[in-house]
Amino acid sequence: FFVSSDTSGPSLSKHWCLFFSAYLSTQEAINLLNVSCSHLVSLLEKGELPHRKVGAHRRVLVSDVLAYKESLLVKRNTALDELTAASQELGMRD
């Protein structure tokens, strides 16, 4: 994807808008999420990650992939916070 390095004027927001409304191939989504092909297909089939079909190929919005990636990060951080709190309650140290 191309995003202009020119940060002046409205062209930057136009490029970002185009970027987030762009579709990725499944391979690009796999690379961005760092998951296996079978895991991505499972996410798509379960509806956890919206997609559309173009012929025989699946396409995923960049914004949906980034939102899913962010939700994973939030879940991981929440679990880590809970684990840290539990270990502190039990008097465990680093």
N, C-alpha and C. Protein backbone atom coordinates (compact mmCIF):
# COMPACT_ATOMS: atom_id res chain seq x y z
N PHE A 1 0.84 -1.18 0.00
CA PHE A 1 0.00 0.00 0.00
C PHE A 1 0.88 1.23 0.00
N PHE A 2 0.40 2.26 -0.63
CA PHE A 2 1.14 3.50 -0.69
C PHE A 2 0.47 4.54 0.18
N VAL A 3 1.24 5.09 1.10
CA VAL A 3 0.78 6.22 1.89
C VAL A 3 1.82 7.31 1.73
N SER A 4 1.39 8.46 1.29
CA SER A 4 2.30 9.56 1.02
C SER A 4 3.07 9.97 2.27
N SER A 5 4.34 10.32 2.10
CA SER A 5 5.13 10.81 3.22
C SER A 5 4.93 12.31 3.42
N ASP A 6 4.19 12.93 2.51
CA ASP A 6 3.88 14.35 2.62
C ASP A 6 2.79 14.53 3.67
N THR A 7 3.12 15.19 4.77
CA THR A 7 2.16 15.33 5.87
C THR A 7 1.42 16.65 5.83
N SER A 8 1.58 17.41 4.76
CA SER A 8 0.90 18.70 4.68
C SER A 8 -0.41 18.57 3.92
N GLY A 9 -1.42 19.26 4.38
CA GLY A 9 -2.68 19.35 3.66
C GLY A 9 -3.56 18.13 3.80
N PRO A 10 -4.69 18.16 3.10
CA PRO A 10 -5.69 17.10 3.22
C PRO A 10 -5.32 15.81 2.51
N SER A 11 -4.26 15.81 1.71
CA SER A 11 -3.92 14.60 0.95
C SER A 11 -3.58 13.44 1.87
N LEU A 12 -3.00 13.72 3.05
CA LEU A 12 -2.65 12.64 3.97
C LEU A 12 -3.90 11.92 4.45
N SER A 13 -4.91 12.67 4.85
CA SER A 13 -6.13 12.01 5.33
C SER A 13 -6.81 11.25 4.20
N LYS A 14 -6.70 11.75 2.98
CA LYS A 14 -7.26 11.04 1.82
C LYS A 14 -6.56 9.70 1.64
N HIS A 15 -5.23 9.69 1.77
CA HIS A 15 -4.48 8.44 1.60
C HIS A 15 -4.81 7.45 2.71
N TRP A 16 -4.92 7.96 3.95
CA TRP A 16 -5.26 7.07 5.06
C TRP A 16 -6.65 6.48 4.87
N CYS A 17 -7.58 7.29 4.38
CA CYS A 17 -8.93 6.80 4.14
C CYS A 17 -8.90 5.69 3.10
N LEU A 18 -8.15 5.88 2.04
CA LEU A 18 -8.02 4.86 1.01
C LEU A 18 -7.36 3.60 1.57
N PHE A 19 -6.35 3.80 2.41
CA PHE A 19 -5.64 2.67 3.00
C PHE A 19 -6.57 1.80 3.83
N PHE A 20 -7.36 2.40 4.71
CA PHE A 20 -8.23 1.64 5.61
C PHE A 20 -9.42 1.03 4.89
N SER A 21 -9.79 1.54 3.73
CA SER A 21 -10.89 0.95 2.98
C SER A 21 -10.41 -0.04 1.93
N ALA A 22 -9.10 -0.30 1.90
CA ALA A 22 -8.53 -1.24 0.93
C ALA A 22 -8.71 -2.68 1.41
N TYR A 23 -8.75 -3.57 0.47
CA TYR A 23 -8.88 -5.00 0.78
C TYR A 23 -7.52 -5.69 0.69
N LEU A 24 -7.33 -6.66 1.57
CA LEU A 24 -6.13 -7.48 1.57
C LEU A 24 -6.46 -8.87 1.05
N SER A 25 -5.49 -9.51 0.47
CA SER A 25 -5.62 -10.92 0.14
C SER A 25 -5.48 -11.70 1.44
N THR A 26 -5.83 -12.97 1.41
CA THR A 26 -5.67 -13.77 2.63
C THR A 26 -4.20 -13.87 3.02
N GLN A 27 -3.30 -13.95 2.05
CA GLN A 27 -1.87 -14.03 2.35
C GLN A 27 -1.39 -12.75 3.04
N GLU A 28 -1.86 -11.60 2.58
CA GLU A 28 -1.48 -10.34 3.22
C GLU A 28 -2.02 -10.27 4.65
N ALA A 29 -3.25 -10.75 4.86
CA ALA A 29 -3.83 -10.77 6.20
C ALA A 29 -3.06 -11.73 7.10
N ILE A 30 -2.68 -12.88 6.57
CA ILE A 30 -1.88 -13.86 7.31
C ILE A 30 -0.57 -13.22 7.77
N ASN A 31 0.08 -12.51 6.87
CA ASN A 31 1.35 -11.86 7.20
C ASN A 31 1.16 -10.77 8.25
N LEU A 32 0.10 -10.01 8.13
CA LEU A 32 -0.14 -8.91 9.07
C LEU A 32 -0.48 -9.43 10.46
N LEU A 33 -1.25 -10.51 10.53
CA LEU A 33 -1.65 -11.07 11.82
C LEU A 33 -0.64 -12.08 12.37
N ASN A 34 0.26 -12.52 11.51
CA ASN A 34 1.26 -13.53 11.90
C ASN A 34 0.57 -14.82 12.38
N VAL A 35 -0.35 -15.31 11.57
CA VAL A 35 -1.08 -16.55 11.88
C VAL A 35 -0.94 -17.50 10.69
N SER A 36 -1.35 -18.74 10.90
CA SER A 36 -1.30 -19.72 9.82
C SER A 36 -2.49 -19.52 8.88
N CYS A 37 -2.37 -20.08 7.71
CA CYS A 37 -3.45 -20.01 6.73
C CYS A 37 -4.71 -20.67 7.29
N SER A 38 -4.55 -21.84 7.89
CA SER A 38 -5.73 -22.55 8.41
C SER A 38 -6.40 -21.76 9.53
N HIS A 39 -5.62 -21.07 10.36
CA HIS A 39 -6.21 -20.27 11.43
C HIS A 39 -7.00 -19.10 10.85
N LEU A 40 -6.44 -18.42 9.85
CA LEU A 40 -7.15 -17.31 9.22
C LEU A 40 -8.45 -17.79 8.58
N VAL A 41 -8.39 -18.89 7.86
CA VAL A 41 -9.60 -19.43 7.23
C VAL A 41 -10.64 -19.75 8.29
N SER A 42 -10.21 -20.30 9.42
CA SER A 42 -11.12 -20.60 10.52
C SER A 42 -11.78 -19.31 11.04
N LEU A 43 -10.99 -18.25 11.21
CA LEU A 43 -11.54 -16.97 11.65
C LEU A 43 -12.57 -16.44 10.66
N LEU A 44 -12.28 -16.58 9.39
CA LEU A 44 -13.19 -16.10 8.35
C LEU A 44 -14.48 -16.92 8.34
N GLU A 45 -14.35 -18.22 8.42
CA GLU A 45 -15.53 -19.09 8.37
C GLU A 45 -16.41 -18.96 9.60
N LYS A 46 -15.80 -18.66 10.77
CA LYS A 46 -16.57 -18.47 11.99
C LYS A 46 -17.17 -17.07 12.08
N GLY A 47 -16.79 -16.20 11.15
CA GLY A 47 -17.31 -14.84 11.16
C GLY A 47 -16.61 -13.92 12.14
N GLU A 48 -15.50 -14.36 12.72
CA GLU A 48 -14.75 -13.53 13.65
C GLU A 48 -14.02 -12.40 12.94
N LEU A 49 -13.76 -12.60 11.67
CA LEU A 49 -13.13 -11.59 10.84
C LEU A 49 -13.95 -11.48 9.56
N PRO A 50 -14.62 -10.35 9.36
CA PRO A 50 -15.47 -10.20 8.16
C PRO A 50 -14.63 -10.27 6.89
N HIS A 51 -15.25 -10.78 5.85
CA HIS A 51 -14.56 -10.85 4.56
C HIS A 51 -15.59 -10.85 3.44
N ARG A 52 -15.10 -10.74 2.23
CA ARG A 52 -15.96 -10.89 1.06
C ARG A 52 -15.24 -11.78 0.07
N LYS A 53 -16.00 -12.38 -0.79
CA LYS A 53 -15.40 -13.25 -1.81
C LYS A 53 -15.41 -12.52 -3.14
N VAL A 54 -14.28 -12.60 -3.81
CA VAL A 54 -14.14 -12.05 -5.15
C VAL A 54 -13.78 -13.25 -6.02
N GLY A 55 -14.78 -13.78 -6.70
CA GLY A 55 -14.58 -15.04 -7.40
C GLY A 55 -14.37 -16.13 -6.38
N ALA A 56 -13.26 -16.84 -6.50
CA ALA A 56 -12.94 -17.91 -5.54
C ALA A 56 -12.05 -17.40 -4.41
N HIS A 57 -11.70 -16.12 -4.43
CA HIS A 57 -10.75 -15.57 -3.47
C HIS A 57 -11.44 -14.76 -2.38
N ARG A 58 -10.92 -14.87 -1.18
CA ARG A 58 -11.43 -14.08 -0.06
C ARG A 58 -10.62 -12.80 0.05
N ARG A 59 -11.31 -11.72 0.41
CA ARG A 59 -10.66 -10.43 0.63
C ARG A 59 -11.12 -9.89 1.99
N VAL A 60 -10.20 -9.25 2.69
CA VAL A 60 -10.46 -8.75 4.03
C VAL A 60 -10.07 -7.27 4.08
N LEU A 61 -10.93 -6.44 4.67
CA LEU A 61 -10.61 -5.02 4.80
C LEU A 61 -9.42 -4.82 5.73
N VAL A 62 -8.54 -3.91 5.36
CA VAL A 62 -7.39 -3.57 6.21
C VAL A 62 -7.90 -3.15 7.58
N SER A 63 -8.92 -2.33 7.63
CA SER A 63 -9.44 -1.83 8.91
C SER A 63 -9.94 -2.97 9.78
N ASP A 64 -10.55 -4.00 9.18
CA ASP A 64 -11.03 -5.14 9.96
C ASP A 64 -9.86 -5.96 10.52
N VAL A 65 -8.83 -6.14 9.71
CA VAL A 65 -7.66 -6.89 10.17
C VAL A 65 -6.97 -6.15 11.31
N LEU A 66 -6.81 -4.84 11.17
CA LEU A 66 -6.17 -4.05 12.22
C LEU A 66 -7.01 -4.01 13.49
N ALA A 67 -8.33 -3.95 13.34
CA ALA A 67 -9.22 -3.96 14.51
C ALA A 67 -9.13 -5.31 15.23
N TYR A 68 -9.09 -6.41 14.47
CA TYR A 68 -8.96 -7.73 15.06
C TYR A 68 -7.62 -7.85 15.79
N LYS A 69 -6.56 -7.36 15.16
CA LYS A 69 -5.23 -7.41 15.78
C LYS A 69 -5.22 -6.61 17.08
N GLU A 70 -5.86 -5.46 17.10
CA GLU A 70 -5.94 -4.64 18.31
C GLU A 70 -6.74 -5.35 19.39
N SER A 71 -7.83 -6.04 19.01
CA SER A 71 -8.63 -6.75 20.02
C SER A 71 -7.82 -7.89 20.65
N LEU A 72 -6.97 -8.54 19.86
CA LEU A 72 -6.09 -9.58 20.42
C LEU A 72 -5.12 -8.98 21.43
N LEU A 73 -4.58 -7.82 21.10
CA LEU A 73 -3.64 -7.16 21.99
C LEU A 73 -4.32 -6.79 23.31
N VAL A 74 -5.54 -6.28 23.24
CA VAL A 74 -6.29 -5.92 24.45
C VAL A 74 -6.54 -7.17 25.30
N LYS A 75 -6.94 -8.27 24.66
CA LYS A 75 -7.19 -9.51 25.40
C LYS A 75 -5.91 -10.02 26.07
N ARG A 76 -4.79 -9.96 25.35
CA ARG A 76 -3.52 -10.41 25.92
C ARG A 76 -3.12 -9.56 27.12
N ASN A 77 -3.24 -8.24 26.97
CA ASN A 77 -2.87 -7.34 28.06
C ASN A 77 -3.77 -7.53 29.28
N THR A 78 -5.05 -7.76 29.05
CA THR A 78 -5.99 -8.01 30.15
C THR A 78 -5.61 -9.29 30.88
N ALA A 79 -5.32 -10.34 30.14
CA ALA A 79 -4.92 -11.62 30.75
C ALA A 79 -3.62 -11.46 31.52
N LEU A 80 -2.68 -10.72 30.98
CA LEU A 80 -1.41 -10.49 31.66
C LEU A 80 -1.62 -9.70 32.96
N ASP A 81 -2.49 -8.68 32.91
CA ASP A 81 -2.79 -7.91 34.12
C ASP A 81 -3.43 -8.79 35.19
N GLU A 82 -4.34 -9.67 34.78
CA GLU A 82 -5.00 -10.58 35.73
C GLU A 82 -3.99 -11.56 36.34
N LEU A 83 -3.10 -12.06 35.52
CA LEU A 83 -2.07 -12.98 36.00
C LEU A 83 -1.12 -12.29 36.97
N THR A 84 -0.74 -11.07 36.64
CA THR A 84 0.12 -10.29 37.53
C THR A 84 -0.56 -10.05 38.87
N ALA A 85 -1.83 -9.67 38.83
CA ALA A 85 -2.58 -9.42 40.08
C ALA A 85 -2.69 -10.69 40.91
N ALA A 86 -2.95 -11.82 40.26
CA ALA A 86 -3.07 -13.09 40.97
C ALA A 86 -1.74 -13.48 41.61
N SER A 87 -0.65 -13.28 40.89
CA SER A 87 0.66 -13.64 41.44
C SER A 87 1.02 -12.74 42.62
N GLN A 88 0.62 -11.48 42.58
CA GLN A 88 0.88 -10.57 43.69
C GLN A 88 0.05 -10.94 44.91
N GLU A 89 -1.19 -11.37 44.68
CA GLU A 89 -2.04 -11.82 45.79
C GLU A 89 -1.47 -13.05 46.48
N LEU A 90 -0.81 -13.88 45.72
CA LEU A 90 -0.22 -15.11 46.28
C LEU A 90 1.18 -14.87 46.83
N GLY A 91 1.66 -13.63 46.73
CA GLY A 91 2.97 -13.30 47.27
C GLY A 91 4.12 -13.80 46.41
N MET A 92 3.87 -14.03 45.15
CA MET A 92 4.94 -14.48 44.25
C MET A 92 5.79 -13.30 43.84
N ARG A 93 7.06 -13.58 43.56
CA ARG A 93 7.98 -12.53 43.11
C ARG A 93 8.39 -12.80 41.67
N ASP A 94 9.09 -11.82 41.10
CA ASP A 94 9.59 -11.94 39.71
C ASP A 94 10.53 -13.11 39.59
